[in-house]
Amino acid sequence: MKANVTEIWRHPIKSHGREPLDAVTVEAGGTIPFDRLWAVAHERSKADGAEWASCGNFCRVAKLPSLMAISAQFDESLGQITLSHPDMPDLTFSPDRDSAAFLAWAQDLVPEDTLKPARLVKARGPAFTDSDFPSITLCNYASHRAVEQRVGHPLSHLRWRGNIWIDGLAPWEEFDWDNREVRIGDVILRVRERTDRCKSTHSNPETGKRDAEVLRALESWGHQDFSVRAEVIRGGVIQIGDEVSRV
């Protein structure tokens, strides 16, 4: 059975919205363009975008489950993002020119006893992926189905916030790709590491409420990992339907 790309996703603002794509052009050493280009620094963070910063510097789903329910549409030609949330009015704004409007909108999703959003920060170096190198997250749909079975009910795969979804593999086959090269269409990626997971995965992408003990399910396999992070070695176009194979 052949493995193929079934979905492509990017997250323009880290932990604040997801957007589906039909195709994307990637460059060697880069991420999916505009993926996690911005992040929301909380009031104790000193991150300013000059260099990569770890997730603890930012408002994120692990601490703020409601953020999981945000979806995004990024208009590259206008430089505007539209954010939607089931409990909020839609917001369209320019992250480079109108961060105040965004921060006011995001404030309403933050409980009183939590660190508040302070600044919308743009990466001037590497994007704010969860790895300290520019990465693309490859997700195996068969592994997701295995987690659903352990949890005991259907789960939206969007809670993993991955970039490239692949179907046609065996469950957990992606973990055999460590330090190996993978071809997607004409693009070559090298898998660098497994993706360790946190409580953000407990949140439902439709409601923004925690509804599943996903970490406990992962622990039944002796780890808390899902998906792999890969570095682009040779750039090109990735599109839905592309065949995926190990080089």
C-alpha atoms as a PDB file:
ATOM      1  CA  MET A   1       0.000   0.000   0.000  1.00  0.00           C
ATOM      2  CA  LYS A   2       1.339   3.418  -0.941  1.00  0.00           C
ATOM      3  CA  ALA A   3       1.532   6.229   1.566  1.00  0.00           C
ATOM      4  CA  ASN A   4       0.272   9.654   0.501  1.00  0.00           C
ATOM      5  CA  VAL A   5      -0.160  13.168   1.843  1.00  0.00           C
ATOM      6  CA  THR A   6      -3.779  13.676   2.892  1.00  0.00           C
ATOM      7  CA  GLU A   7      -3.648  17.120   4.549  1.00  0.00           C
ATOM      8  CA  ILE A   8      -1.320  20.114   4.910  1.00  0.00           C
ATOM      9  CA  TRP A   9      -1.675  22.600   7.784  1.00  0.00           C
ATOM     10  CA  ARG A  10       0.054  25.726   8.969  1.00  0.00           C
ATOM     11  CA  HIS A  11      -0.335  27.788  12.134  1.00  0.00           C
ATOM     12  CA  PRO A  12       0.570  31.435  11.430  1.00  0.00           C
ATOM     13  CA  ILE A  13       0.430  32.438  15.117  1.00  0.00           C
ATOM     14  CA  LYS A  14       1.786  29.782  17.462  1.00  0.00           C
ATOM     15  CA  SER A  15      -1.104  28.129  19.393  1.00  0.00           C
ATOM     16  CA  HIS A  16      -3.574  30.628  17.938  1.00  0.00           C
ATOM     17  CA  GLY A  17      -5.229  29.049  14.925  1.00  0.00           C
ATOM     18  CA  ARG A  18      -4.738  26.463  12.189  1.00  0.00           C
ATOM     19  CA  GLU A  19      -5.193  26.770   8.430  1.00  0.00           C
ATOM     20  CA  PRO A  20      -5.516  24.034   5.770  1.00  0.00           C
ATOM     21  CA  LEU A  21      -3.526  24.267   2.536  1.00  0.00           C
ATOM     22  CA  ASP A  22      -3.758  22.382  -0.754  1.00  0.00           C
ATOM     23  CA  ALA A  23      -0.070  22.799  -1.589  1.00  0.00           C
ATOM     24  CA  VAL A  24       2.994  24.551  -0.240  1.00  0.00           C
ATOM     25  CA  THR A  25       6.475  25.396  -1.504  1.00  0.00           C
ATOM     26  CA  VAL A  26       9.259  24.768   0.986  1.00  0.00           C
ATOM     27  CA  GLU A  27      12.952  25.664   0.907  1.00  0.00           C
ATOM     28  CA  ALA A  28      15.936  23.740   2.218  1.00  0.00           C
ATOM     29  CA  GLY A  29      16.454  24.570   5.869  1.00  0.00           C
ATOM     30  CA  GLY A  30      13.059  26.246   6.170  1.00  0.00           C
ATOM     31  CA  THR A  31       9.612  25.620   7.611  1.00  0.00           C
ATOM     32  CA  ILE A  32       6.263  25.751   5.874  1.00  0.00           C
ATOM     33  CA  PRO A  33       6.087  29.459   4.955  1.00  0.00           C
ATOM     34  CA  PHE A  34       4.303  31.516   7.636  1.00  0.00           C
ATOM     35  CA  ASP A  35       4.010  28.537   9.980  1.00  0.00           C
ATOM     36  CA  ARG A  36       4.522  29.816  13.541  1.00  0.00           C
ATOM     37  CA  LEU A  37       5.995  33.027  12.179  1.00  0.00           C
ATOM     38  CA  TRP A  38       4.343  34.888  15.059  1.00  0.00           C
ATOM     39  CA  ALA A  39       3.894  33.945  18.709  1.00  0.00           C
ATOM     40  CA  VAL A  40       2.203  35.540  21.702  1.00  0.00           C
ATOM     41  CA  ALA A  41       4.695  36.407  24.449  1.00  0.00           C
ATOM     42  CA  HIS A  42       3.181  36.436  27.919  1.00  0.00           C
ATOM     43  CA  GLU A  43       3.793  39.107  30.541  1.00  0.00           C
ATOM     44  CA  ARG A  44       6.852  37.384  32.052  1.00  0.00           C
ATOM     45  CA  SER A  45       8.507  36.565  28.734  1.00  0.00           C
ATOM     46  CA  LYS A  46      11.502  38.433  27.337  1.00  0.00           C
ATOM     47  CA  ALA A  47      11.216  36.906  23.861  1.00  0.00           C
ATOM     48  CA  ASP A  48      11.458  39.553  21.143  1.00  0.00           C
ATOM     49  CA  GLY A  49      11.810  37.497  17.941  1.00  0.00           C
ATOM     50  CA  ALA A  50      15.544  38.075  17.498  1.00  0.00           C
ATOM     51  CA  GLU A  51      16.214  34.393  18.136  1.00  0.00           C
ATOM     52  CA  TRP A  52      14.325  31.167  18.640  1.00  0.00           C
ATOM     53  CA  ALA A  53      12.629  30.868  22.033  1.00  0.00           C
ATOM     54  CA  SER A  54      11.094  27.831  23.722  1.00  0.00           C
ATOM     55  CA  CYS A  55       7.347  27.395  24.148  1.00  0.00           C
ATOM     56  CA  GLY A  56       7.479  28.400  27.821  1.00  0.00           C
ATOM     57  CA  ASN A  57       7.873  32.016  26.695  1.00  0.00           C
ATOM     58  CA  PHE A  58       4.484  32.077  25.003  1.00  0.00           C
ATOM     59  CA  CYS A  59       0.755  31.759  25.615  1.00  0.00           C
ATOM     60  CA  ARG A  60      -0.040  28.227  24.485  1.00  0.00           C
ATOM     61  CA  VAL A  61      -2.719  25.553  24.501  1.00  0.00           C
ATOM     62  CA  ALA A  62      -1.065  23.478  27.240  1.00  0.00           C
ATOM     63  CA  LYS A  63      -1.916  26.270  29.704  1.00  0.00           C
ATOM     64  CA  LEU A  64      -4.909  27.771  27.863  1.00  0.00           C
ATOM     65  CA  PRO A  65      -7.104  24.975  26.434  1.00  0.00           C
ATOM     66  CA  SER A  66      -9.555  27.418  24.839  1.00  0.00           C
ATOM     67  CA  LEU A  67      -6.894  28.412  22.286  1.00  0.00           C
ATOM     68  CA  MET A  68      -7.219  24.998  20.632  1.00  0.00           C
ATOM     69  CA  ALA A  69     -10.573  25.998  19.113  1.00  0.00           C
ATOM     70  CA  ILE A  70      -9.116  28.881  17.075  1.00  0.00           C
ATOM     71  CA  SER A  71      -8.986  28.505  13.297  1.00  0.00           C
ATOM     72  CA  ALA A  72      -7.137  30.881  10.970  1.00  0.00           C
ATOM     73  CA  GLN A  73      -7.095  32.192   7.422  1.00  0.00           C
ATOM     74  CA  PHE A  74      -3.992  34.072   6.301  1.00  0.00           C
ATOM     75  CA  ASP A  75      -4.197  36.330   3.234  1.00  0.00           C
ATOM     76  CA  GLU A  76      -0.587  36.502   2.106  1.00  0.00           C
ATOM     77  CA  SER A  77      -1.257  39.256  -0.439  1.00  0.00           C
ATOM     78  CA  LEU A  78      -2.782  41.575   2.184  1.00  0.00           C
ATOM     79  CA  GLY A  79      -0.736  40.359   5.145  1.00  0.00           C
ATOM     80  CA  GLN A  80      -3.951  39.867   7.119  1.00  0.00           C
ATOM     81  CA  ILE A  81      -5.101  37.023   9.342  1.00  0.00           C
ATOM     82  CA  THR A  82      -8.715  36.199  10.146  1.00  0.00           C
ATOM     83  CA  LEU A  83      -9.177  34.276  13.392  1.00  0.00           C
ATOM     84  CA  SER A  84     -12.349  32.412  14.362  1.00  0.00           C
ATOM     85  CA  HIS A  85     -13.398  30.861  17.665  1.00  0.00           C
ATOM     86  CA  PRO A  86     -16.797  29.402  18.629  1.00  0.00           C
ATOM     87  CA  ASP A  87     -17.107  31.762  21.619  1.00  0.00           C
ATOM     88  CA  MET A  88     -15.765  34.914  19.948  1.00  0.00           C
ATOM     89  CA  PRO A  89     -16.543  37.202  17.012  1.00  0.00           C
ATOM     90  CA  ASP A  90     -14.191  36.783  14.061  1.00  0.00           C
ATOM     91  CA  LEU A  91     -11.187  39.088  13.959  1.00  0.00           C
ATOM     92  CA  THR A  92      -9.357  40.227  10.820  1.00  0.00           C
ATOM     93  CA  PHE A  93      -6.139  42.140  11.411  1.00  0.00           C
ATOM     94  CA  SER A  94      -2.573  42.677  10.251  1.00  0.00           C
ATOM     95  CA  PRO A  95      -0.162  41.052  12.722  1.00  0.00           C
ATOM     96  CA  ASP A  96       2.590  43.451  11.680  1.00  0.00           C
ATOM     97  CA  ARG A  97       0.513  46.632  12.021  1.00  0.00           C
ATOM     98  CA  ASP A  98      -2.387  46.007  14.378  1.00  0.00           C
ATOM     99  CA  SER A  99      -1.292  43.721  17.177  1.00  0.00           C
ATOM    100  CA  ALA A 100      -3.297  45.738  19.726  1.00  0.00           C
ATOM    101  CA  ALA A 101      -6.569  44.556  18.197  1.00  0.00           C
ATOM    102  CA  PHE A 102      -5.380  40.967  18.366  1.00  0.00           C
ATOM    103  CA  LEU A 103      -4.193  41.212  21.987  1.00  0.00           C
ATOM    104  CA  ALA A 104      -7.552  42.660  23.039  1.00  0.00           C
ATOM    105  CA  TRP A 105      -9.321  39.782  21.273  1.00  0.00           C
ATOM    106  CA  ALA A 106      -7.017  37.118  22.734  1.00  0.00           C
ATOM    107  CA  GLN A 107      -7.362  38.551  26.249  1.00  0.00           C
ATOM    108  CA  ASP A 108     -10.947  37.332  26.403  1.00  0.00           C
ATOM    109  CA  LEU A 109      -9.762  33.728  26.017  1.00  0.00           C
ATOM    110  CA  VAL A 110      -7.400  33.915  28.995  1.00  0.00           C
ATOM    111  CA  PRO A 111      -8.622  33.136  32.545  1.00  0.00           C
ATOM    112  CA  GLU A 112      -7.930  35.690  35.260  1.00  0.00           C
ATOM    113  CA  ASP A 113      -5.412  33.490  37.089  1.00  0.00           C
ATOM    114  CA  THR A 114      -3.174  32.899  34.045  1.00  0.00           C
ATOM    115  CA  LEU A 115      -0.253  34.795  32.535  1.00  0.00           C
ATOM    116  CA  LYS A 116      -1.679  37.410  30.179  1.00  0.00           C
ATOM    117  CA  PRO A 117      -0.726  37.968  26.537  1.00  0.00           C
ATOM    118  CA  ALA A 118       1.669  40.924  26.400  1.00  0.00           C
ATOM    119  CA  ARG A 119       3.152  41.133  22.895  1.00  0.00           C
ATOM    120  CA  LEU A 120       2.677  39.628  19.462  1.00  0.00           C
ATOM    121  CA  VAL A 121       6.227  38.708  18.469  1.00  0.00           C
ATOM    122  CA  LYS A 122       7.417  38.068  14.899  1.00  0.00           C
ATOM    123  CA  ALA A 123      10.321  35.712  14.294  1.00  0.00           C
ATOM    124  CA  ARG A 124      13.194  37.551  12.645  1.00  0.00           C
ATOM    125  CA  GLY A 125      15.252  34.373  12.735  1.00  0.00           C
ATOM    126  CA  PRO A 126      13.926  30.790  12.904  1.00  0.00           C
ATOM    127  CA  ALA A 127      10.170  30.428  13.242  1.00  0.00           C
ATOM    128  CA  PHE A 128       8.706  29.526  16.645  1.00  0.00           C
ATOM    129  CA  THR A 129       8.411  25.786  16.041  1.00  0.00           C
ATOM    130  CA  ASP A 130       8.684  23.605  19.144  1.00  0.00           C
ATOM    131  CA  SER A 131      12.104  22.440  17.942  1.00  0.00           C
ATOM    132  CA  ASP A 132      15.186  24.667  18.093  1.00  0.00           C
ATOM    133  CA  PHE A 133      15.747  24.044  14.390  1.00  0.00           C
ATOM    134  CA  PRO A 134      13.360  24.935  11.527  1.00  0.00           C
ATOM    135  CA  SER A 135      11.119  21.884  11.294  1.00  0.00           C
ATOM    136  CA  ILE A 136       8.067  20.433   9.603  1.00  0.00           C
ATOM    137  CA  THR A 137       5.950  17.998  11.597  1.00  0.00           C
ATOM    138  CA  LEU A 138       5.000  14.752   9.853  1.00  0.00           C
ATOM    139  CA  CYS A 139       1.955  12.948  11.282  1.00  0.00           C
ATOM    140  CA  ASN A 140       0.846   9.375  10.621  1.00  0.00           C
ATOM    141  CA  TYR A 141      -2.919   8.906  10.440  1.00  0.00           C
ATOM    142  CA  ALA A 142      -2.598   5.222  11.390  1.00  0.00           C
ATOM    143  CA  SER A 143      -0.879   6.223  14.643  1.00  0.00           C
ATOM    144  CA  HIS A 144      -3.733   8.621  15.341  1.00  0.00           C
ATOM    145  CA  ARG A 145      -6.243   5.814  14.855  1.00  0.00           C
ATOM    146  CA  ALA A 146      -4.264   3.696  17.309  1.00  0.00           C
ATOM    147  CA  VAL A 147      -4.519   6.464  19.903  1.00  0.00           C
ATOM    148  CA  GLU A 148      -8.269   6.752  19.290  1.00  0.00           C
ATOM    149  CA  GLN A 149      -8.623   3.039  20.024  1.00  0.00           C
ATOM    150  CA  ARG A 150      -6.708   3.351  23.293  1.00  0.00           C
ATOM    151  CA  VAL A 151      -8.720   6.389  24.387  1.00  0.00           C
ATOM    152  CA  GLY A 152     -11.927   4.581  23.497  1.00  0.00           C
ATOM    153  CA  HIS A 153     -13.683   7.209  21.393  1.00  0.00           C
ATOM    154  CA  PRO A 154     -13.091   9.290  18.234  1.00  0.00           C
ATOM    155  CA  LEU A 155     -10.614  12.165  18.470  1.00  0.00           C
ATOM    156  CA  SER A 156     -10.062  15.044  16.087  1.00  0.00           C
ATOM    157  CA  HIS A 157      -6.585  14.670  14.603  1.00  0.00           C
ATOM    158  CA  LEU A 158      -6.274  18.460  14.638  1.00  0.00           C
ATOM    159  CA  ARG A 159      -5.389  18.344  18.348  1.00  0.00           C
ATOM    160  CA  TRP A 160      -1.872  17.266  17.293  1.00  0.00           C
ATOM    161  CA  ARG A 161      -1.332  20.565  15.403  1.00  0.00           C
ATOM    162  CA  GLY A 162       0.867  18.861  12.793  1.00  0.00           C
ATOM    163  CA  ASN A 163       1.911  20.143   9.378  1.00  0.00           C
ATOM    164  CA  ILE A 164       1.809  17.165   7.004  1.00  0.00           C
ATOM    165  CA  TRP A 165      -0.638  14.282   7.457  1.00  0.00           C
ATOM    166  CA  ILE A 166       0.190  10.960   5.829  1.00  0.00           C
ATOM    167  CA  ASP A 167      -2.024   7.913   5.344  1.00  0.00           C
ATOM    168  CA  GLY A 168      -1.018   4.439   4.184  1.00  0.00           C
ATOM    169  CA  LEU A 169       1.662   3.721   6.795  1.00  0.00           C
ATOM    170  CA  ALA A 170       1.611   1.174   9.591  1.00  0.00           C
ATOM    171  CA  PRO A 171       0.959   2.563  13.101  1.00  0.00           C
ATOM    172  CA  TRP A 172       4.106   4.179  14.520  1.00  0.00           C
ATOM    173  CA  GLU A 173       6.082   3.462  11.332  1.00  0.00           C
ATOM    174  CA  GLU A 174       7.206   7.092  11.357  1.00  0.00           C
ATOM    175  CA  PHE A 175       9.334   6.380  14.437  1.00  0.00           C
ATOM    176  CA  ASP A 176      11.495   4.114  12.251  1.00  0.00           C
ATOM    177  CA  TRP A 177      12.443   7.162  10.185  1.00  0.00           C
ATOM    178  CA  ASP A 178      14.723   8.646  12.846  1.00  0.00           C
ATOM    179  CA  ASN A 179      17.785  10.172  11.134  1.00  0.00           C
ATOM    180  CA  ARG A 180      16.491   8.866   7.790  1.00  0.00           C
ATOM    181  CA  GLU A 181      15.508  10.797   4.686  1.00  0.00           C
ATOM    182  CA  VAL A 182      11.924  10.844   3.446  1.00  0.00           C
ATOM    183  CA  ARG A 183      10.710  11.891  -0.007  1.00  0.00           C
ATOM    184  CA  ILE A 184       7.403  13.723  -0.408  1.00  0.00           C
ATOM    185  CA  GLY A 185       6.833  14.455  -4.084  1.00  0.00           C
ATOM    186  CA  ASP A 186      10.111  16.069  -5.114  1.00  0.00           C
ATOM    187  CA  VAL A 187      10.940  17.291  -1.595  1.00  0.00           C
ATOM    188  CA  ILE A 188      13.505  15.511   0.583  1.00  0.00           C
ATOM    189  CA  LEU A 189      13.317  15.791   4.379  1.00  0.00           C
ATOM    190  CA  ARG A 190      15.488  14.295   7.096  1.00  0.00           C
ATOM    191  CA  VAL A 191      13.702  13.194  10.236  1.00  0.00           C
ATOM    192  CA  ARG A 192      15.527  14.652  13.232  1.00  0.00           C
ATOM    193  CA  GLU A 193      13.439  13.707  16.268  1.00  0.00           C
ATOM    194  CA  ARG A 194      10.155  12.449  17.629  1.00  0.00           C
ATOM    195  CA  THR A 195       7.654  15.025  18.878  1.00  0.00           C
ATOM    196  CA  ASP A 196       7.187  14.887  22.637  1.00  0.00           C
ATOM    197  CA  ARG A 197       3.678  15.821  23.699  1.00  0.00           C
ATOM    198  CA  CYS A 198       2.007  17.799  26.487  1.00  0.00           C
ATOM    199  CA  LYS A 199      -1.483  18.450  27.832  1.00  0.00           C
ATOM    200  CA  SER A 200      -2.368  20.567  24.808  1.00  0.00           C
ATOM    201  CA  THR A 201      -3.392  17.280  23.164  1.00  0.00           C
ATOM    202  CA  HIS A 202      -6.154  16.852  25.768  1.00  0.00           C
ATOM    203  CA  SER A 203      -8.089  19.783  24.257  1.00  0.00           C
ATOM    204  CA  ASN A 204     -10.871  19.406  21.698  1.00  0.00           C
ATOM    205  CA  PRO A 205     -10.241  21.550  18.581  1.00  0.00           C
ATOM    206  CA  GLU A 206     -13.963  22.230  18.191  1.00  0.00           C
ATOM    207  CA  THR A 207     -14.742  23.313  21.748  1.00  0.00           C
ATOM    208  CA  GLY A 208     -11.398  24.296  23.288  1.00  0.00           C
ATOM    209  CA  LYS A 209     -12.182  22.108  26.298  1.00  0.00           C
ATOM    210  CA  ARG A 210     -10.173  19.173  27.632  1.00  0.00           C
ATOM    211  CA  ASP A 211     -11.987  15.944  26.871  1.00  0.00           C
ATOM    212  CA  ALA A 212      -9.433  13.118  26.529  1.00  0.00           C
ATOM    213  CA  GLU A 213      -6.496  11.658  28.482  1.00  0.00           C
ATOM    214  CA  VAL A 214      -4.233  11.502  25.451  1.00  0.00           C
ATOM    215  CA  LEU A 215      -0.944  11.404  27.373  1.00  0.00           C
ATOM    216  CA  ARG A 216      -2.143   8.395  29.342  1.00  0.00           C
ATOM    217  CA  ALA A 217      -2.970   6.641  26.073  1.00  0.00           C
ATOM    218  CA  LEU A 218       0.499   7.374  24.688  1.00  0.00           C
ATOM    219  CA  GLU A 219       2.112   6.121  27.883  1.00  0.00           C
ATOM    220  CA  SER A 220       0.573   2.702  27.217  1.00  0.00           C
ATOM    221  CA  TRP A 221       3.192   2.401  24.462  1.00  0.00           C
ATOM    222  CA  GLY A 222       5.959   3.497  26.835  1.00  0.00           C
ATOM    223  CA  HIS A 223       6.322   7.076  25.575  1.00  0.00           C
ATOM    224  CA  GLN A 224       4.516  10.414  25.238  1.00  0.00           C
ATOM    225  CA  ASP A 225       5.432  11.035  21.591  1.00  0.00           C
ATOM    226  CA  PHE A 226       3.340  11.584  18.496  1.00  0.00           C
ATOM    227  CA  SER A 227       4.641  12.515  15.018  1.00  0.00           C
ATOM    228  CA  VAL A 228       8.194  13.372  13.974  1.00  0.00           C
ATOM    229  CA  ARG A 229       9.992  16.636  13.269  1.00  0.00           C
ATOM    230  CA  ALA A 230      11.859  16.821   9.982  1.00  0.00           C
ATOM    231  CA  GLU A 231      14.330  19.202   8.358  1.00  0.00           C
ATOM    232  CA  VAL A 232      13.947  20.113   4.682  1.00  0.00           C
ATOM    233  CA  ILE A 233      17.039  18.934   2.789  1.00  0.00           C
ATOM    234  CA  ARG A 234      15.834  19.605  -0.750  1.00  0.00           C
ATOM    235  CA  GLY A 235      13.057  22.085  -1.346  1.00  0.00           C
ATOM    236  CA  GLY A 236      10.137  22.024  -3.755  1.00  0.00           C
ATOM    237  CA  VAL A 237       6.366  21.727  -3.805  1.00  0.00           C
ATOM    238  CA  ILE A 238       4.375  19.494  -1.451  1.00  0.00           C
ATOM    239  CA  GLN A 239       0.742  18.940  -2.345  1.00  0.00           C
ATOM    240  CA  ILE A 240      -2.138  16.760  -1.251  1.00  0.00           C
ATOM    241  CA  GLY A 241      -1.889  13.373  -2.910  1.00  0.00           C
ATOM    242  CA  ASP A 242       1.918  13.312  -3.109  1.00  0.00           C
ATOM    243  CA  GLU A 243       3.454   9.920  -2.518  1.00  0.00           C
ATOM    244  CA  VAL A 244       5.566   9.540   0.634  1.00  0.00           C
ATOM    245  CA  SER A 245       8.490   7.108   0.758  1.00  0.00           C
ATOM    246  CA  ARG A 246      11.671   6.561   2.699  1.00  0.00           C
ATOM    247  CA  VAL A 247      14.787   7.313   0.639  1.00  0.00           C
END
